[in-house]
């Protein structure tokens, strides 16, 4: 169930982690996920999610910082599938 005002951030690498860190001080509820390991990369007050699906089910807005268009396309297709289920 989506929560009101929950934002998600996917991709906590060299560029994504600093962006998520800045976002975590601006929004009340930030959920994060990174395929390479979320817990140790989670910034500040953000909440780590165990999967993209978990993050997508909880968030109204999702930011992506991913390595290429193929990964973005795959996650977008996953998100569309979740919304159609």
N, C-alpha and C. Protein backbone atom coordinates (compact mmCIF):
# COMPACT_ATOMS: atom_id res chain seq x y z
N UNK A 1 0.84 -1.18 0.00
CA UNK A 1 0.00 0.00 0.00
C UNK A 1 0.88 1.24 0.00
N UNK A 2 0.61 2.15 -0.94
CA UNK A 2 1.39 3.37 -1.03
C UNK A 2 1.07 4.29 0.13
N UNK A 3 2.11 4.85 0.70
CA UNK A 3 1.95 5.78 1.80
C UNK A 3 2.01 7.20 1.25
N UNK A 4 1.30 8.08 1.86
CA UNK A 4 1.29 9.48 1.43
C UNK A 4 2.65 10.11 1.67
N UNK A 5 3.16 10.78 0.65
CA UNK A 5 4.41 11.53 0.71
C UNK A 5 5.66 10.67 0.90
N UNK A 6 5.64 9.41 0.49
CA UNK A 6 6.84 8.59 0.53
C UNK A 6 7.54 8.70 -0.82
N UNK A 7 8.82 9.02 -0.79
CA UNK A 7 9.64 9.08 -2.00
C UNK A 7 10.60 7.90 -1.98
N UNK A 8 10.95 7.43 -3.16
CA UNK A 8 11.91 6.34 -3.28
C UNK A 8 13.08 6.77 -4.12
N UNK A 9 14.24 6.16 -3.84
CA UNK A 9 15.44 6.44 -4.62
C UNK A 9 16.13 5.12 -4.90
N UNK A 10 16.36 4.85 -6.19
CA UNK A 10 17.00 3.60 -6.61
C UNK A 10 18.34 3.94 -7.25
N UNK A 11 19.39 3.31 -6.74
CA UNK A 11 20.74 3.52 -7.28
C UNK A 11 21.58 4.36 -6.34
N UNK A 12 22.32 3.72 -5.46
CA UNK A 12 23.09 4.42 -4.44
C UNK A 12 24.59 4.33 -4.70
N UNK A 13 24.96 4.49 -5.95
CA UNK A 13 26.37 4.44 -6.32
C UNK A 13 27.06 5.78 -6.13
N UNK A 14 28.13 6.00 -6.89
CA UNK A 14 28.94 7.22 -6.74
C UNK A 14 28.13 8.50 -6.93
N UNK A 15 27.22 8.48 -7.87
CA UNK A 15 26.41 9.68 -8.11
C UNK A 15 25.09 9.64 -7.33
N UNK A 16 24.47 8.46 -7.24
CA UNK A 16 23.16 8.35 -6.61
C UNK A 16 23.15 8.56 -5.11
N UNK A 17 24.16 8.03 -4.42
CA UNK A 17 24.17 8.15 -2.95
C UNK A 17 24.19 9.60 -2.49
N UNK A 18 25.07 10.47 -3.05
CA UNK A 18 25.03 11.87 -2.62
C UNK A 18 23.68 12.55 -2.93
N UNK A 19 23.07 12.19 -4.05
CA UNK A 19 21.76 12.77 -4.37
C UNK A 19 20.71 12.29 -3.37
N UNK A 20 20.74 11.00 -3.04
CA UNK A 20 19.79 10.46 -2.05
C UNK A 20 20.03 11.09 -0.68
N UNK A 21 21.28 11.32 -0.34
CA UNK A 21 21.60 11.97 0.94
C UNK A 21 20.99 13.37 1.00
N UNK A 22 21.13 14.15 -0.05
CA UNK A 22 20.53 15.49 -0.10
C UNK A 22 19.01 15.41 -0.03
N UNK A 23 18.45 14.46 -0.73
CA UNK A 23 16.99 14.29 -0.73
C UNK A 23 16.47 13.87 0.64
N UNK A 24 17.25 13.06 1.36
CA UNK A 24 16.80 12.55 2.66
C UNK A 24 16.59 13.66 3.69
N UNK A 25 17.26 14.79 3.52
CA UNK A 25 17.05 15.90 4.46
C UNK A 25 15.92 16.82 4.01
N UNK A 26 15.41 16.62 2.80
CA UNK A 26 14.35 17.46 2.26
C UNK A 26 12.96 16.83 2.33
N UNK A 27 12.91 15.50 2.36
CA UNK A 27 11.61 14.82 2.40
C UNK A 27 11.46 14.10 3.74
N UNK A 28 10.23 13.91 4.16
CA UNK A 28 9.98 13.27 5.45
C UNK A 28 10.24 11.77 5.41
N UNK A 29 9.89 11.12 4.33
CA UNK A 29 9.98 9.67 4.25
C UNK A 29 10.70 9.29 2.96
N UNK A 30 11.95 8.83 3.05
CA UNK A 30 12.69 8.39 1.87
C UNK A 30 12.99 6.90 2.00
N UNK A 31 12.59 6.14 0.98
CA UNK A 31 12.89 4.72 0.88
C UNK A 31 13.98 4.57 -0.18
N UNK A 32 14.97 3.71 0.06
CA UNK A 32 16.06 3.53 -0.90
C UNK A 32 16.30 2.06 -1.21
N UNK A 33 16.87 1.81 -2.41
CA UNK A 33 17.25 0.46 -2.80
C UNK A 33 18.42 0.53 -3.75
N UNK A 34 19.36 -0.40 -3.57
CA UNK A 34 20.49 -0.57 -4.49
C UNK A 34 20.78 -2.05 -4.64
N UNK A 35 20.88 -2.51 -5.86
CA UNK A 35 21.08 -3.93 -6.12
C UNK A 35 22.40 -4.44 -5.55
N UNK A 36 23.39 -3.55 -5.41
CA UNK A 36 24.72 -3.95 -4.93
C UNK A 36 24.80 -4.01 -3.40
N UNK A 37 23.73 -3.67 -2.74
CA UNK A 37 23.71 -3.68 -1.28
C UNK A 37 23.15 -2.39 -0.75
N UNK A 38 22.00 -2.47 -0.16
CA UNK A 38 21.29 -1.26 0.24
C UNK A 38 21.66 -0.81 1.65
N UNK A 39 21.67 -1.71 2.60
CA UNK A 39 21.81 -1.32 4.00
C UNK A 39 23.06 -0.49 4.26
N UNK A 40 24.20 -0.94 3.75
CA UNK A 40 25.45 -0.21 4.01
C UNK A 40 25.57 1.07 3.20
N UNK A 41 24.73 1.27 2.19
CA UNK A 41 24.77 2.48 1.38
C UNK A 41 23.67 3.48 1.74
N UNK A 42 22.80 3.10 2.65
CA UNK A 42 21.65 3.93 2.99
C UNK A 42 22.09 5.23 3.66
N UNK A 43 21.69 6.38 3.11
CA UNK A 43 22.07 7.66 3.71
C UNK A 43 21.18 8.05 4.87
N UNK A 44 21.77 8.74 5.82
CA UNK A 44 21.06 9.40 6.93
C UNK A 44 19.83 8.72 7.46
N UNK A 45 18.70 9.40 7.33
CA UNK A 45 17.45 8.94 7.91
C UNK A 45 16.61 8.09 6.95
N UNK A 46 17.15 7.77 5.79
CA UNK A 46 16.40 6.98 4.80
C UNK A 46 16.17 5.56 5.31
N UNK A 47 15.14 4.93 4.78
CA UNK A 47 14.78 3.56 5.15
C UNK A 47 15.18 2.63 4.00
N UNK A 48 16.03 1.62 4.28
CA UNK A 48 16.42 0.68 3.21
C UNK A 48 15.30 -0.31 2.89
N UNK A 49 15.09 -0.55 1.61
CA UNK A 49 14.13 -1.57 1.17
C UNK A 49 14.90 -2.78 0.67
N UNK A 50 14.32 -3.95 0.81
CA UNK A 50 14.99 -5.19 0.42
C UNK A 50 14.87 -5.49 -1.06
N UNK A 51 13.99 -4.77 -1.77
CA UNK A 51 13.83 -4.99 -3.21
C UNK A 51 13.22 -3.74 -3.85
N UNK A 52 13.36 -3.67 -5.18
CA UNK A 52 12.71 -2.59 -5.91
C UNK A 52 11.20 -2.69 -5.77
N UNK A 53 10.69 -3.91 -5.79
CA UNK A 53 9.25 -4.11 -5.67
C UNK A 53 8.72 -3.55 -4.35
N UNK A 54 9.43 -3.80 -3.27
CA UNK A 54 9.03 -3.26 -1.96
C UNK A 54 9.00 -1.73 -2.01
N UNK A 55 10.05 -1.14 -2.55
CA UNK A 55 10.12 0.32 -2.65
C UNK A 55 8.97 0.86 -3.50
N UNK A 56 8.73 0.24 -4.65
CA UNK A 56 7.69 0.71 -5.56
C UNK A 56 6.30 0.63 -4.95
N UNK A 57 6.06 -0.38 -4.14
CA UNK A 57 4.74 -0.54 -3.51
C UNK A 57 4.50 0.52 -2.44
N UNK A 58 5.56 1.07 -1.87
CA UNK A 58 5.43 2.03 -0.77
C UNK A 58 5.51 3.49 -1.20
N UNK A 59 6.00 3.76 -2.41
CA UNK A 59 6.32 5.15 -2.77
C UNK A 59 5.44 5.72 -3.86
N UNK A 60 5.14 7.01 -3.73
CA UNK A 60 4.39 7.74 -4.75
C UNK A 60 5.31 8.31 -5.82
N UNK A 61 6.53 8.65 -5.45
CA UNK A 61 7.52 9.24 -6.35
C UNK A 61 8.79 8.41 -6.24
N UNK A 62 9.37 8.05 -7.40
CA UNK A 62 10.60 7.27 -7.41
C UNK A 62 11.64 7.95 -8.28
N UNK A 63 12.81 8.21 -7.70
CA UNK A 63 13.95 8.77 -8.42
C UNK A 63 14.89 7.63 -8.77
N UNK A 64 15.50 7.71 -9.97
CA UNK A 64 16.43 6.68 -10.42
C UNK A 64 17.78 7.29 -10.72
N UNK A 65 18.83 6.63 -10.27
CA UNK A 65 20.21 6.98 -10.64
C UNK A 65 20.88 5.67 -11.01
N UNK A 66 20.74 5.31 -12.28
CA UNK A 66 21.14 3.98 -12.74
C UNK A 66 22.17 4.09 -13.87
N UNK A 67 22.92 2.99 -14.10
CA UNK A 67 24.05 3.07 -15.02
C UNK A 67 23.71 3.24 -16.49
N UNK A 68 22.56 2.74 -16.94
CA UNK A 68 22.25 2.87 -18.37
C UNK A 68 20.75 2.71 -18.62
N UNK A 69 20.37 2.98 -19.87
CA UNK A 69 18.96 2.95 -20.26
C UNK A 69 18.35 1.56 -20.15
N UNK A 70 19.15 0.52 -20.34
CA UNK A 70 18.61 -0.85 -20.24
C UNK A 70 18.11 -1.14 -18.83
N UNK A 71 18.84 -0.69 -17.83
CA UNK A 71 18.43 -0.91 -16.44
C UNK A 71 17.17 -0.10 -16.13
N UNK A 72 17.12 1.13 -16.62
CA UNK A 72 15.94 1.98 -16.43
C UNK A 72 14.73 1.33 -17.07
N UNK A 73 14.89 0.81 -18.29
CA UNK A 73 13.79 0.15 -18.99
C UNK A 73 13.29 -1.07 -18.22
N UNK A 74 14.22 -1.87 -17.72
CA UNK A 74 13.85 -3.07 -16.96
C UNK A 74 13.06 -2.71 -15.70
N UNK A 75 13.51 -1.69 -14.98
CA UNK A 75 12.78 -1.29 -13.77
C UNK A 75 11.43 -0.68 -14.11
N UNK A 76 11.37 0.07 -15.18
CA UNK A 76 10.09 0.66 -15.60
C UNK A 76 9.09 -0.43 -15.97
N UNK A 77 9.56 -1.47 -16.67
CA UNK A 77 8.68 -2.58 -17.01
C UNK A 77 8.21 -3.31 -15.75
N UNK A 78 9.08 -3.44 -14.77
CA UNK A 78 8.70 -4.05 -13.49
C UNK A 78 7.62 -3.22 -12.82
N UNK A 79 7.81 -1.91 -12.82
CA UNK A 79 6.84 -1.00 -12.20
C UNK A 79 5.49 -1.08 -12.90
N UNK A 80 5.48 -1.10 -14.21
CA UNK A 80 4.23 -1.22 -14.95
C UNK A 80 3.54 -2.53 -14.62
N UNK A 81 4.31 -3.60 -14.51
CA UNK A 81 3.74 -4.90 -14.14
C UNK A 81 3.13 -4.88 -12.75
N UNK A 82 3.79 -4.21 -11.82
CA UNK A 82 3.24 -4.12 -10.46
C UNK A 82 1.93 -3.34 -10.44
N UNK A 83 1.86 -2.28 -11.23
CA UNK A 83 0.64 -1.47 -11.26
C UNK A 83 -0.52 -2.19 -11.97
N UNK A 84 -0.20 -3.11 -12.84
CA UNK A 84 -1.24 -3.87 -13.54
C UNK A 84 -1.66 -5.13 -12.82
N UNK A 85 -0.94 -5.47 -11.76
CA UNK A 85 -1.26 -6.72 -11.03
C UNK A 85 -2.46 -6.54 -10.13
